[in-house]
Amino acid sequence: MNIARVILALVFCTFFTASYFTNKYVLSILKFTFPTIFQGWQTSTGALLLLVTWKLGLVEINGFSRSAAFSQLPGSFLFIGNIYAGSKALSLLPIPFFFVLQNVSEVFAFFIVTVTHREKPPWMKLLSDLEEQFINYVTSSLLLASLAYTTGDLSGALDFPLLTTYSFHTGCLGSAIFSFCLMLATVKLKGSLSQEHCGIWFFLAKILASGLSLFLSTFNTVLSPMTLCW
């Protein structure tokens, strides 16, 4: 592996750790327990930043057909379920144990994708991971906005005690920016390394984030010996 790829992998690990730490800070430390609002903010900001970076020529998003966009909708619904459940779990669990459960869920997801995988016709295929992510962002923003209204999360968020504080604004802004940068770094990493090497760096990023969380008094992470082994 050359120096450029090592730097890319280290950048990925940095954004991975920063993203999960800021998400944990808002969800758990500040106790903003409204995942429809929080994830809706992240996905809408992600869609906006993706459009801006595309217009500036920093990323390339090619056109795609309407049929290709519709074919991505099942994946978008899974994406929404994943980020919603992830927010709920991250708000309640220590970061190391959250990654343990995430690893288990990824095993099941791998088997589901393997069993249900079918080759799509060329006219239904997207051109890159960025087009797929853009559709996920837009679909998530629209659906989460409607869910926030119907579930009462919107009114609850407006009454959140820390809504106007500097720490809340900083945490939410950081979470959106770091999550977007993590997405870009992930796409770049997958395009530069083999699947096996990407898996290694994902594993190392989780180890790094888990280890650092144990030494941060902000999270006050206390693990039993059995949990630590897992």
C-alpha atoms as a PDB file:
ATOM      1  CA  MET A   1       0.000   0.000   0.000  1.00  0.00           C
ATOM      2  CA  ASN A   2       1.447   3.376  -1.012  1.00  0.00           C
ATOM      3  CA  ILE A   3       1.639   6.495   1.133  1.00  0.00           C
ATOM      4  CA  ALA A   4      -1.411   8.137  -0.477  1.00  0.00           C
ATOM      5  CA  ARG A   5      -3.620   5.172   0.403  1.00  0.00           C
ATOM      6  CA  VAL A   6      -2.310   5.092   3.957  1.00  0.00           C
ATOM      7  CA  ILE A   7      -3.103   8.795   4.337  1.00  0.00           C
ATOM      8  CA  LEU A   8      -6.588   8.201   2.918  1.00  0.00           C
ATOM      9  CA  ALA A   9      -7.157   5.371   5.380  1.00  0.00           C
ATOM     10  CA  LEU A  10      -5.986   7.525   8.293  1.00  0.00           C
ATOM     11  CA  VAL A  11      -8.296  10.340   7.181  1.00  0.00           C
ATOM     12  CA  PHE A  12     -11.128   7.823   7.089  1.00  0.00           C
ATOM     13  CA  CYS A  13     -10.331   6.666  10.649  1.00  0.00           C
ATOM     14  CA  THR A  14     -10.223  10.283  11.833  1.00  0.00           C
ATOM     15  CA  PHE A  15     -13.630  11.158  10.402  1.00  0.00           C
ATOM     16  CA  PHE A  16     -15.044   7.816  11.566  1.00  0.00           C
ATOM     17  CA  THR A  17     -14.035   8.521  15.162  1.00  0.00           C
ATOM     18  CA  ALA A  18     -15.067  12.191  15.053  1.00  0.00           C
ATOM     19  CA  SER A  19     -18.453  11.330  13.550  1.00  0.00           C
ATOM     20  CA  TYR A  20     -19.377   8.747  16.163  1.00  0.00           C
ATOM     21  CA  PHE A  21     -18.069  10.872  19.016  1.00  0.00           C
ATOM     22  CA  THR A  22     -20.110  13.929  18.011  1.00  0.00           C
ATOM     23  CA  ASN A  23     -23.206  11.788  17.417  1.00  0.00           C
ATOM     24  CA  LYS A  24     -22.774  10.195  20.841  1.00  0.00           C
ATOM     25  CA  TYR A  25     -22.279  13.612  22.415  1.00  0.00           C
ATOM     26  CA  VAL A  26     -25.556  14.993  21.033  1.00  0.00           C
ATOM     27  CA  LEU A  27     -27.622  11.849  21.554  1.00  0.00           C
ATOM     28  CA  SER A  28     -26.303  10.714  24.923  1.00  0.00           C
ATOM     29  CA  ILE A  29     -24.545  13.570  26.733  1.00  0.00           C
ATOM     30  CA  LEU A  30     -26.938  16.321  25.628  1.00  0.00           C
ATOM     31  CA  LYS A  31     -29.782  13.742  25.620  1.00  0.00           C
ATOM     32  CA  PHE A  32     -31.343  14.904  22.358  1.00  0.00           C
ATOM     33  CA  THR A  33     -33.521  11.782  22.014  1.00  0.00           C
ATOM     34  CA  PHE A  34     -35.326  12.686  18.797  1.00  0.00           C
ATOM     35  CA  PRO A  35     -33.743  10.497  16.087  1.00  0.00           C
ATOM     36  CA  THR A  36     -36.150  11.595  13.339  1.00  0.00           C
ATOM     37  CA  ILE A  37     -35.065  15.219  13.853  1.00  0.00           C
ATOM     38  CA  PHE A  38     -31.390  14.418  14.341  1.00  0.00           C
ATOM     39  CA  GLN A  39     -31.072  12.077  11.364  1.00  0.00           C
ATOM     40  CA  GLY A  40     -33.292  14.307   9.245  1.00  0.00           C
ATOM     41  CA  TRP A  41     -30.881  17.164   9.935  1.00  0.00           C
ATOM     42  CA  GLN A  42     -27.884  15.016   9.028  1.00  0.00           C
ATOM     43  CA  THR A  43     -29.358  13.633   5.780  1.00  0.00           C
ATOM     44  CA  SER A  44     -30.723  16.978   4.568  1.00  0.00           C
ATOM     45  CA  THR A  45     -27.365  18.626   5.309  1.00  0.00           C
ATOM     46  CA  GLY A  46     -25.601  15.736   3.572  1.00  0.00           C
ATOM     47  CA  ALA A  47     -27.760  16.168   0.456  1.00  0.00           C
ATOM     48  CA  LEU A  48     -27.082  19.918   0.413  1.00  0.00           C
ATOM     49  CA  LEU A  49     -23.319  19.495   0.878  1.00  0.00           C
ATOM     50  CA  LEU A  50     -23.234  16.828  -1.825  1.00  0.00           C
ATOM     51  CA  LEU A  51     -24.964  19.186  -4.249  1.00  0.00           C
ATOM     52  CA  VAL A  52     -22.599  22.035  -3.342  1.00  0.00           C
ATOM     53  CA  THR A  53     -19.458  19.933  -3.736  1.00  0.00           C
ATOM     54  CA  TRP A  54     -20.798  18.637  -7.053  1.00  0.00           C
ATOM     55  CA  LYS A  55     -21.472  22.160  -8.341  1.00  0.00           C
ATOM     56  CA  LEU A  56     -17.979  23.194  -7.262  1.00  0.00           C
ATOM     57  CA  GLY A  57     -16.512  20.277  -9.205  1.00  0.00           C
ATOM     58  CA  LEU A  58     -15.094  18.573  -6.119  1.00  0.00           C
ATOM     59  CA  VAL A  59     -17.075  15.365  -6.675  1.00  0.00           C
ATOM     60  CA  GLU A  60     -18.613  13.836  -9.773  1.00  0.00           C
ATOM     61  CA  ILE A  61     -22.284  12.915  -9.900  1.00  0.00           C
ATOM     62  CA  ASN A  62     -23.547  11.686 -13.241  1.00  0.00           C
ATOM     63  CA  GLY A  63     -27.142  11.755 -14.358  1.00  0.00           C
ATOM     64  CA  PHE A  64     -29.319   8.724 -13.724  1.00  0.00           C
ATOM     65  CA  SER A  65     -32.676   7.585 -15.054  1.00  0.00           C
ATOM     66  CA  ARG A  66     -35.919   7.719 -13.096  1.00  0.00           C
ATOM     67  CA  SER A  67     -36.132   3.929 -13.185  1.00  0.00           C
ATOM     68  CA  ALA A  68     -32.658   3.675 -11.668  1.00  0.00           C
ATOM     69  CA  ALA A  69     -33.693   6.062  -8.894  1.00  0.00           C
ATOM     70  CA  PHE A  70     -36.838   4.049  -8.141  1.00  0.00           C
ATOM     71  CA  SER A  71     -34.830   0.829  -8.085  1.00  0.00           C
ATOM     72  CA  GLN A  72     -32.770   2.333  -5.231  1.00  0.00           C
ATOM     73  CA  LEU A  73     -35.837   3.038  -3.043  1.00  0.00           C
ATOM     74  CA  PRO A  74     -35.770  -0.332  -1.200  1.00  0.00           C
ATOM     75  CA  GLY A  75     -32.140   0.325  -0.345  1.00  0.00           C
ATOM     76  CA  SER A  76     -33.067   3.845   0.781  1.00  0.00           C
ATOM     77  CA  PHE A  77     -35.705   2.480   3.163  1.00  0.00           C
ATOM     78  CA  LEU A  78     -33.112   0.101   4.618  1.00  0.00           C
ATOM     79  CA  PHE A  79     -30.733   3.054   4.944  1.00  0.00           C
ATOM     80  CA  ILE A  80     -33.366   4.991   6.904  1.00  0.00           C
ATOM     81  CA  GLY A  81     -34.044   2.055   9.202  1.00  0.00           C
ATOM     82  CA  ASN A  82     -30.327   1.595   9.756  1.00  0.00           C
ATOM     83  CA  ILE A  83     -29.565   5.193  10.722  1.00  0.00           C
ATOM     84  CA  TYR A  84     -32.720   5.466  12.878  1.00  0.00           C
ATOM     85  CA  ALA A  85     -31.967   2.281  14.798  1.00  0.00           C
ATOM     86  CA  GLY A  86     -28.317   3.288  15.021  1.00  0.00           C
ATOM     87  CA  SER A  87     -29.230   6.605  16.644  1.00  0.00           C
ATOM     88  CA  LYS A  88     -31.445   4.914  19.216  1.00  0.00           C
ATOM     89  CA  ALA A  89     -28.759   2.349  20.042  1.00  0.00           C
ATOM     90  CA  LEU A  90     -25.916   4.863  20.188  1.00  0.00           C
ATOM     91  CA  SER A  91     -27.869   7.073  22.576  1.00  0.00           C
ATOM     92  CA  LEU A  92     -28.271   4.192  25.060  1.00  0.00           C
ATOM     93  CA  LEU A  93     -25.131   2.060  24.694  1.00  0.00           C
ATOM     94  CA  PRO A  94     -21.430   2.665  25.354  1.00  0.00           C
ATOM     95  CA  ILE A  95     -19.528   3.147  22.099  1.00  0.00           C
ATOM     96  CA  PRO A  96     -17.543  -0.150  22.324  1.00  0.00           C
ATOM     97  CA  PHE A  97     -20.683  -2.209  22.955  1.00  0.00           C
ATOM     98  CA  PHE A  98     -22.508  -0.346  20.178  1.00  0.00           C
ATOM     99  CA  PHE A  99     -19.832  -1.499  17.731  1.00  0.00           C
ATOM    100  CA  VAL A 100     -20.182  -5.083  18.994  1.00  0.00           C
ATOM    101  CA  LEU A 101     -23.890  -5.091  18.146  1.00  0.00           C
ATOM    102  CA  GLN A 102     -23.186  -3.293  14.875  1.00  0.00           C
ATOM    103  CA  ASN A 103     -20.766  -6.049  13.875  1.00  0.00           C
ATOM    104  CA  VAL A 104     -23.425  -8.678  14.573  1.00  0.00           C
ATOM    105  CA  SER A 105     -25.983  -6.806  12.485  1.00  0.00           C
ATOM    106  CA  GLU A 106     -23.506  -6.540   9.606  1.00  0.00           C
ATOM    107  CA  VAL A 107     -23.157 -10.330   9.555  1.00  0.00           C
ATOM    108  CA  PHE A 108     -26.917 -10.707   9.123  1.00  0.00           C
ATOM    109  CA  ALA A 109     -26.956  -7.938   6.516  1.00  0.00           C
ATOM    110  CA  PHE A 110     -24.205  -9.728   4.565  1.00  0.00           C
ATOM    111  CA  PHE A 111     -26.219 -12.944   4.425  1.00  0.00           C
ATOM    112  CA  ILE A 112     -29.391 -11.099   3.416  1.00  0.00           C
ATOM    113  CA  VAL A 113     -27.592  -9.307   0.581  1.00  0.00           C
ATOM    114  CA  THR A 114     -25.950 -12.559  -0.527  1.00  0.00           C
ATOM    115  CA  VAL A 115     -29.232 -14.457  -0.609  1.00  0.00           C
ATOM    116  CA  THR A 116     -31.340 -11.729  -2.214  1.00  0.00           C
ATOM    117  CA  HIS A 117     -28.734 -10.405  -4.665  1.00  0.00           C
ATOM    118  CA  ARG A 118     -29.990 -10.243  -8.208  1.00  0.00           C
ATOM    119  CA  GLU A 119     -28.271  -8.626 -11.163  1.00  0.00           C
ATOM    120  CA  LYS A 120     -30.132  -5.474 -12.232  1.00  0.00           C
ATOM    121  CA  PRO A 121     -30.701  -4.594 -15.904  1.00  0.00           C
ATOM    122  CA  PRO A 122     -28.283  -1.889 -17.146  1.00  0.00           C
ATOM    123  CA  TRP A 123     -31.066   0.705 -17.382  1.00  0.00           C
ATOM    124  CA  MET A 124     -31.819   0.293 -13.661  1.00  0.00           C
ATOM    125  CA  LYS A 125     -28.238   0.664 -12.444  1.00  0.00           C
ATOM    126  CA  LEU A 126     -26.757   3.790 -10.863  1.00  0.00           C
ATOM    127  CA  LEU A 127     -23.433   5.027 -12.054  1.00  0.00           C
ATOM    128  CA  SER A 128     -21.616   5.353  -8.715  1.00  0.00           C
ATOM    129  CA  ASP A 129     -21.910   5.224  -4.854  1.00  0.00           C
ATOM    130  CA  LEU A 130     -22.410   9.000  -4.790  1.00  0.00           C
ATOM    131  CA  GLU A 131     -25.596   8.806  -6.871  1.00  0.00           C
ATOM    132  CA  GLU A 132     -26.826   6.072  -4.547  1.00  0.00           C
ATOM    133  CA  GLN A 133     -25.982   8.141  -1.475  1.00  0.00           C
ATOM    134  CA  PHE A 134     -27.679  11.222  -2.898  1.00  0.00           C
ATOM    135  CA  ILE A 135     -30.921   9.284  -3.403  1.00  0.00           C
ATOM    136  CA  ASN A 136     -30.616   7.892   0.128  1.00  0.00           C
ATOM    137  CA  TYR A 137     -30.122  11.396   1.510  1.00  0.00           C
ATOM    138  CA  VAL A 138     -33.104  12.913  -0.304  1.00  0.00           C
ATOM    139  CA  THR A 139     -35.445  10.004   0.446  1.00  0.00           C
ATOM    140  CA  SER A 140     -34.407   9.986   4.114  1.00  0.00           C
ATOM    141  CA  SER A 141     -34.889  13.744   4.483  1.00  0.00           C
ATOM    142  CA  LEU A 142     -38.429  13.617   3.108  1.00  0.00           C
ATOM    143  CA  LEU A 143     -39.521  10.545   5.038  1.00  0.00           C
ATOM    144  CA  LEU A 144     -37.931  11.578   8.336  1.00  0.00           C
ATOM    145  CA  ALA A 145     -39.512  15.034   8.068  1.00  0.00           C
ATOM    146  CA  SER A 146     -42.970  13.472   7.786  1.00  0.00           C
ATOM    147  CA  LEU A 147     -42.220  11.033  10.617  1.00  0.00           C
ATOM    148  CA  ALA A 148     -41.011  13.867  12.856  1.00  0.00           C
ATOM    149  CA  TYR A 149     -44.377  15.569  12.456  1.00  0.00           C
ATOM    150  CA  THR A 150     -46.571  12.473  12.887  1.00  0.00           C
ATOM    151  CA  THR A 151     -44.654  11.046  15.873  1.00  0.00           C
ATOM    152  CA  GLY A 152     -44.578  14.328  17.773  1.00  0.00           C
ATOM    153  CA  ASP A 153     -40.770  14.547  17.681  1.00  0.00           C
ATOM    154  CA  LEU A 154     -40.993  18.001  16.111  1.00  0.00           C
ATOM    155  CA  SER A 155     -42.948  19.525  18.978  1.00  0.00           C
ATOM    156  CA  GLY A 156     -40.754  17.717  21.499  1.00  0.00           C
ATOM    157  CA  ALA A 157     -37.583  19.019  19.862  1.00  0.00           C
ATOM    158  CA  LEU A 158     -38.895  22.585  19.943  1.00  0.00           C
ATOM    159  CA  ASP A 159     -39.244  22.248  23.724  1.00  0.00           C
ATOM    160  CA  PHE A 160     -35.751  20.769  24.165  1.00  0.00           C
ATOM    161  CA  PRO A 161     -34.080  22.691  27.046  1.00  0.00           C
ATOM    162  CA  LEU A 162     -30.680  23.002  25.336  1.00  0.00           C
ATOM    163  CA  LEU A 163     -32.068  24.008  21.934  1.00  0.00           C
ATOM    164  CA  THR A 164     -30.539  27.486  21.984  1.00  0.00           C
ATOM    165  CA  THR A 165     -27.224  26.624  23.629  1.00  0.00           C
ATOM    166  CA  TYR A 166     -23.825  26.878  21.944  1.00  0.00           C
ATOM    167  CA  SER A 167     -22.932  23.279  22.808  1.00  0.00           C
ATOM    168  CA  PHE A 168     -26.056  21.960  21.085  1.00  0.00           C
ATOM    169  CA  HIS A 169     -25.532  23.998  17.924  1.00  0.00           C
ATOM    170  CA  THR A 170     -21.849  23.045  17.783  1.00  0.00           C
ATOM    171  CA  GLY A 171     -22.602  19.351  18.323  1.00  0.00           C
ATOM    172  CA  CYS A 172     -25.301  19.226  15.641  1.00  0.00           C
ATOM    173  CA  LEU A 173     -23.201  21.143  13.120  1.00  0.00           C
ATOM    174  CA  GLY A 174     -20.172  18.970  13.804  1.00  0.00           C
ATOM    175  CA  SER A 175     -22.173  15.763  13.531  1.00  0.00           C
ATOM    176  CA  ALA A 176     -23.554  16.733  10.125  1.00  0.00           C
ATOM    177  CA  ILE A 177     -20.188  17.836   8.714  1.00  0.00           C
ATOM    178  CA  PHE A 178     -18.245  14.884  10.102  1.00  0.00           C
ATOM    179  CA  SER A 179     -20.869  12.412   8.870  1.00  0.00           C
ATOM    180  CA  PHE A 180     -20.700  13.906   5.380  1.00  0.00           C
ATOM    181  CA  CYS A 181     -16.893  13.830   5.362  1.00  0.00           C
ATOM    182  CA  LEU A 182     -17.000  10.235   6.575  1.00  0.00           C
ATOM    183  CA  MET A 183     -19.290   9.333   3.682  1.00  0.00           C
ATOM    184  CA  LEU A 184     -16.898  10.882   1.159  1.00  0.00           C
ATOM    185  CA  ALA A 185     -13.892   9.207   2.772  1.00  0.00           C
ATOM    186  CA  THR A 186     -15.703   5.854   2.762  1.00  0.00           C
ATOM    187  CA  VAL A 187     -16.578   6.139  -0.937  1.00  0.00           C
ATOM    188  CA  LYS A 188     -12.991   7.122  -1.758  1.00  0.00           C
ATOM    189  CA  LEU A 189     -11.591   4.301   0.382  1.00  0.00           C
ATOM    190  CA  LYS A 190     -13.796   1.681  -1.299  1.00  0.00           C
ATOM    191  CA  GLY A 191     -12.723   2.978  -4.689  1.00  0.00           C
ATOM    192  CA  SER A 192      -9.022   2.839  -3.830  1.00  0.00           C
ATOM    193  CA  LEU A 193      -8.664  -0.390  -1.853  1.00  0.00           C
ATOM    194  CA  SER A 194      -9.840  -3.952  -2.180  1.00  0.00           C
ATOM    195  CA  GLN A 195     -12.802  -5.167  -0.164  1.00  0.00           C
ATOM    196  CA  GLU A 196     -10.474  -7.080   2.181  1.00  0.00           C
ATOM    197  CA  HIS A 197      -8.302  -4.029   2.882  1.00  0.00           C
ATOM    198  CA  CYS A 198     -11.371  -1.845   3.410  1.00  0.00           C
ATOM    199  CA  GLY A 199     -12.662  -4.362   5.943  1.00  0.00           C
ATOM    200  CA  ILE A 200      -9.367  -4.173   7.831  1.00  0.00           C
ATOM    201  CA  TRP A 201      -9.497  -0.379   8.041  1.00  0.00           C
ATOM    202  CA  PHE A 202     -13.150  -0.440   9.136  1.00  0.00           C
ATOM    203  CA  PHE A 203     -12.141  -2.840  11.899  1.00  0.00           C
ATOM    204  CA  LEU A 204      -9.195  -0.674  12.960  1.00  0.00           C
ATOM    205  CA  ALA A 205     -11.403   2.444  12.962  1.00  0.00           C
ATOM    206  CA  LYS A 206     -13.841   0.747  15.334  1.00  0.00           C
ATOM    207  CA  ILE A 207     -10.999  -0.362  17.588  1.00  0.00           C
ATOM    208  CA  LEU A 208      -9.613   3.204  17.620  1.00  0.00           C
ATOM    209  CA  ALA A 209     -12.992   4.775  18.421  1.00  0.00           C
ATOM    210  CA  SER A 210     -13.742   2.171  21.086  1.00  0.00           C
ATOM    211  CA  GLY A 211     -10.340   2.566  22.733  1.00  0.00           C
ATOM    212  CA  LEU A 212     -10.427   6.358  22.774  1.00  0.00           C
ATOM    213  CA  SER A 213     -13.958   6.405  24.205  1.00  0.00           C
ATOM    214  CA  LEU A 214     -12.699   4.527  27.273  1.00  0.00           C
ATOM    215  CA  PHE A 215     -10.311   7.372  28.109  1.00  0.00           C
ATOM    216  CA  LEU A 216     -12.727  10.263  27.571  1.00  0.00           C
ATOM    217  CA  SER A 217     -14.360  11.372  30.786  1.00  0.00           C
ATOM    218  CA  THR A 218     -17.135  12.983  28.735  1.00  0.00           C
ATOM    219  CA  PHE A 219     -18.643   9.599  27.909  1.00  0.00           C
ATOM    220  CA  ASN A 220     -17.967   8.041  31.324  1.00  0.00           C
ATOM    221  CA  THR A 221     -17.742   4.591  29.719  1.00  0.00           C
ATOM    222  CA  VAL A 222     -17.834   1.751  32.259  1.00  0.00           C
ATOM    223  CA  LEU A 223     -17.578  -1.799  30.920  1.00  0.00           C
ATOM    224  CA  SER A 224     -17.670  -5.099  32.722  1.00  0.00           C
ATOM    225  CA  PRO A 225     -14.833  -7.580  32.036  1.00  0.00           C
ATOM    226  CA  MET A 226     -17.173  -9.747  29.927  1.00  0.00           C
ATOM    227  CA  THR A 227     -18.362  -6.792  27.851  1.00  0.00           C
ATOM    228  CA  LEU A 228     -14.778  -5.653  27.364  1.00  0.00           C
ATOM    229  CA  CYS A 229     -13.842  -9.100  26.030  1.00  0.00           C
ATOM    230  CA  TRP A 230     -16.702  -8.973  23.554  1.00  0.00           C
END
